[in-house]
C-alpha atoms as a PDB file:
ATOM      1  CA  MET A   1     -20.495 222.046 129.326  1.00  0.00           C
ATOM      2  CA  GLU A   2     -21.307 220.575 125.982  1.00  0.00           C
ATOM      3  CA  ASN A   3     -19.658 223.597 124.326  1.00  0.00           C
ATOM      4  CA  ILE A   4     -23.038 224.831 123.214  1.00  0.00           C
ATOM      5  CA  ARG A   5     -22.710 227.680 120.800  1.00  0.00           C
ATOM      6  CA  CYS A   6     -25.877 229.714 120.735  1.00  0.00           C
ATOM      7  CA  SER A   7     -25.368 230.645 117.104  1.00  0.00           C
ATOM      8  CA  GLU A   8     -25.532 226.960 116.115  1.00  0.00           C
ATOM      9  CA  LEU A   9     -28.950 226.327 117.652  1.00  0.00           C
ATOM     10  CA  SER A  10     -31.760 225.508 115.306  1.00  0.00           C
ATOM     11  CA  LYS A  11     -35.328 226.668 115.771  1.00  0.00           C
ATOM     12  CA  THR A  12     -36.118 223.245 117.203  1.00  0.00           C
ATOM     13  CA  LEU A  13     -35.026 223.373 120.822  1.00  0.00           C
ATOM     14  CA  SER A  14     -34.926 219.997 122.533  1.00  0.00           C
ATOM     15  CA  ASN A  15     -34.026 220.833 126.138  1.00  0.00           C
ATOM     16  CA  LEU A  16     -33.882 223.597 128.737  1.00  0.00           C
ATOM     17  CA  VAL A  17     -30.177 224.303 128.187  1.00  0.00           C
ATOM     18  CA  GLU A  18     -30.778 224.970 124.495  1.00  0.00           C
ATOM     19  CA  LEU A  19     -33.770 227.172 125.314  1.00  0.00           C
ATOM     20  CA  LEU A  20     -31.767 229.275 127.777  1.00  0.00           C
ATOM     21  CA  CYS A  21     -28.948 229.671 125.293  1.00  0.00           C
ATOM     22  CA  TYR A  22     -31.396 230.603 122.546  1.00  0.00           C
ATOM     23  CA  ARG A  23     -33.071 233.212 124.743  1.00  0.00           C
ATOM     24  CA  ALA A  24     -29.680 234.686 125.690  1.00  0.00           C
ATOM     25  CA  LEU A  25     -28.934 235.076 121.984  1.00  0.00           C
ATOM     26  CA  THR A  26     -32.311 236.298 120.739  1.00  0.00           C
ATOM     27  CA  GLN A  27     -33.603 238.219 123.780  1.00  0.00           C
ATOM     28  CA  PRO A  28     -30.473 239.147 125.731  1.00  0.00           C
ATOM     29  CA  PHE A  29     -31.937 242.149 127.545  1.00  0.00           C
ATOM     30  CA  LYS A  30     -35.335 240.681 128.359  1.00  0.00           C
ATOM     31  CA  ILE A  31     -35.908 239.919 132.029  1.00  0.00           C
ATOM     32  CA  ALA A  32     -35.629 236.174 132.583  1.00  0.00           C
ATOM     33  CA  TYR A  33     -36.498 236.127 136.295  1.00  0.00           C
ATOM     34  CA  THR A  34     -37.696 238.568 138.896  1.00  0.00           C
ATOM     35  CA  PHE A  35     -37.364 237.626 142.551  1.00  0.00           C
ATOM     36  CA  ASN A  36     -39.946 238.946 144.989  1.00  0.00           C
ATOM     37  CA  GLU A  37     -39.029 238.635 148.636  1.00  0.00           C
ATOM     38  CA  LYS A  38     -41.889 236.978 150.517  1.00  0.00           C
ATOM     39  CA  GLY A  39     -43.935 237.232 147.324  1.00  0.00           C
ATOM     40  CA  GLU A  40     -44.313 240.976 147.714  1.00  0.00           C
ATOM     41  CA  LYS A  41     -41.415 243.354 147.170  1.00  0.00           C
ATOM     42  CA  GLU A  42     -39.213 242.955 144.089  1.00  0.00           C
ATOM     43  CA  THR A  43     -35.642 242.540 145.299  1.00  0.00           C
ATOM     44  CA  ASP A  44     -33.732 241.252 142.284  1.00  0.00           C
ATOM     45  CA  ARG A  45     -34.003 240.576 138.561  1.00  0.00           C
ATOM     46  CA  ILE A  46     -31.791 239.102 135.867  1.00  0.00           C
ATOM     47  CA  THR A  47     -31.767 239.212 132.065  1.00  0.00           C
ATOM     48  CA  TYR A  48     -31.342 236.164 129.854  1.00  0.00           C
ATOM     49  CA  GLN A  49     -27.869 237.320 128.833  1.00  0.00           C
ATOM     50  CA  VAL A  50     -26.620 237.811 132.400  1.00  0.00           C
ATOM     51  CA  LEU A  51     -28.242 234.555 133.528  1.00  0.00           C
ATOM     52  CA  ASP A  52     -26.500 232.711 130.698  1.00  0.00           C
ATOM     53  CA  GLN A  53     -23.138 234.284 131.603  1.00  0.00           C
ATOM     54  CA  ARG A  54     -23.472 233.477 135.306  1.00  0.00           C
ATOM     55  CA  SER A  55     -24.702 229.949 134.603  1.00  0.00           C
ATOM     56  CA  ARG A  56     -21.752 229.330 132.286  1.00  0.00           C
ATOM     57  CA  ALA A  57     -19.365 230.579 134.979  1.00  0.00           C
ATOM     58  CA  TYR A  58     -20.816 228.058 137.452  1.00  0.00           C
ATOM     59  CA  ALA A  59     -20.649 225.337 134.788  1.00  0.00           C
ATOM     60  CA  SER A  60     -17.010 226.122 134.080  1.00  0.00           C
ATOM     61  CA  GLN A  61     -16.134 225.824 137.773  1.00  0.00           C
ATOM     62  CA  LEU A  62     -17.969 222.517 138.059  1.00  0.00           C
ATOM     63  CA  GLN A  63     -16.284 221.111 134.970  1.00  0.00           C
ATOM     64  CA  SER A  64     -12.851 222.193 136.185  1.00  0.00           C
ATOM     65  CA  LEU A  65     -13.528 220.066 139.271  1.00  0.00           C
ATOM     66  CA  GLY A  66     -14.459 217.087 137.093  1.00  0.00           C
ATOM     67  CA  ALA A  67     -18.010 217.122 138.449  1.00  0.00           C
ATOM     68  CA  THR A  68     -19.837 216.203 135.223  1.00  0.00           C
ATOM     69  CA  GLY A  69     -22.244 213.360 136.021  1.00  0.00           C
ATOM     70  CA  GLU A  70     -21.842 213.905 139.771  1.00  0.00           C
ATOM     71  CA  LEU A  71     -24.230 215.346 142.361  1.00  0.00           C
ATOM     72  CA  ALA A  72     -23.910 218.941 143.554  1.00  0.00           C
ATOM     73  CA  LEU A  73     -25.574 220.064 146.768  1.00  0.00           C
ATOM     74  CA  LEU A  74     -26.919 223.586 146.192  1.00  0.00           C
ATOM     75  CA  VAL A  75     -27.358 225.263 149.567  1.00  0.00           C
ATOM     76  CA  TYR A  76     -28.767 228.658 148.615  1.00  0.00           C
ATOM     77  CA  PRO A  77     -31.553 230.801 149.949  1.00  0.00           C
ATOM     78  CA  PRO A  78     -34.334 231.408 147.416  1.00  0.00           C
ATOM     79  CA  GLY A  79     -33.236 233.886 144.769  1.00  0.00           C
ATOM     80  CA  ILE A  80     -31.384 234.635 141.570  1.00  0.00           C
ATOM     81  CA  ASP A  81     -28.095 233.076 142.739  1.00  0.00           C
ATOM     82  CA  PHE A  82     -29.830 229.728 143.193  1.00  0.00           C
ATOM     83  CA  ILE A  83     -31.315 229.922 139.685  1.00  0.00           C
ATOM     84  CA  ALA A  84     -27.920 230.673 138.114  1.00  0.00           C
ATOM     85  CA  ALA A  85     -26.231 227.856 140.067  1.00  0.00           C
ATOM     86  CA  PHE A  86     -28.997 225.386 139.191  1.00  0.00           C
ATOM     87  CA  LYS A  87     -28.757 226.237 135.509  1.00  0.00           C
ATOM     88  CA  GLY A  88     -24.974 226.069 135.733  1.00  0.00           C
ATOM     89  CA  CYS A  89     -25.417 222.470 136.859  1.00  0.00           C
ATOM     90  CA  LEU A  90     -27.627 221.808 133.839  1.00  0.00           C
ATOM     91  CA  TYR A  91     -25.024 223.346 131.524  1.00  0.00           C
ATOM     92  CA  ALA A  92     -22.260 221.232 133.081  1.00  0.00           C
ATOM     93  CA  GLY A  93     -24.187 217.951 133.133  1.00  0.00           C
ATOM     94  CA  VAL A  94     -24.174 217.920 136.936  1.00  0.00           C
ATOM     95  CA  ILE A  95     -27.141 216.655 138.957  1.00  0.00           C
ATOM     96  CA  ALA A  96     -28.338 219.538 141.138  1.00  0.00           C
ATOM     97  CA  VAL A  97     -29.629 218.677 144.610  1.00  0.00           C
ATOM     98  CA  PRO A  98     -31.306 221.800 146.021  1.00  0.00           C
ATOM     99  CA  ALA A  99     -31.428 222.264 149.799  1.00  0.00           C
ATOM    100  CA  TYR A 100     -32.415 225.147 152.021  1.00  0.00           C
ATOM    101  CA  PRO A 101     -29.537 226.610 153.998  1.00  0.00           C
ATOM    102  CA  PRO A 102     -29.586 225.892 157.724  1.00  0.00           C
ATOM    103  CA  PRO A 103     -31.049 228.548 160.024  1.00  0.00           C
ATOM    104  CA  ARG A 104     -28.684 231.452 160.641  1.00  0.00           C
ATOM    105  CA  HIS A 105     -28.036 230.398 164.219  1.00  0.00           C
ATOM    106  CA  SER A 106     -26.892 226.959 163.038  1.00  0.00           C
ATOM    107  CA  GLN A 107     -24.090 226.853 160.483  1.00  0.00           C
ATOM    108  CA  ASN A 108     -23.709 223.068 160.732  1.00  0.00           C
ATOM    109  CA  LEU A 109     -24.207 221.402 157.333  1.00  0.00           C
ATOM    110  CA  SER A 110     -23.506 217.870 158.556  1.00  0.00           C
ATOM    111  CA  PRO A 111     -27.205 216.819 158.633  1.00  0.00           C
ATOM    112  CA  LEU A 112     -27.497 217.770 154.958  1.00  0.00           C
ATOM    113  CA  LEU A 113     -24.380 215.824 154.026  1.00  0.00           C
ATOM    114  CA  ALA A 114     -25.375 212.623 155.846  1.00  0.00           C
END
């Protein structure tokens, strides 16, 4: 992560990472995302503050692996966890490559890794 300190951000935000950080600082308890399963029933939600914390945790893990500038295959079902992981990649300077997980009856990821 670029060691972004939210308190140092100006009112001119130049990228999505700065915007997320700014929102976590200025609107920490506002809902950032709501996930509706099959577009109907609300199943999960996350505030800007919690999203920022989770994204930073992912970013820290990626940086500890030396993944900055590398590709990361994100195999997540649709939902809040995917959003946090994707934004963690942005925070860490990692190129996110989203992919749907394989069907439950097939746990073989080799076609995705080819």
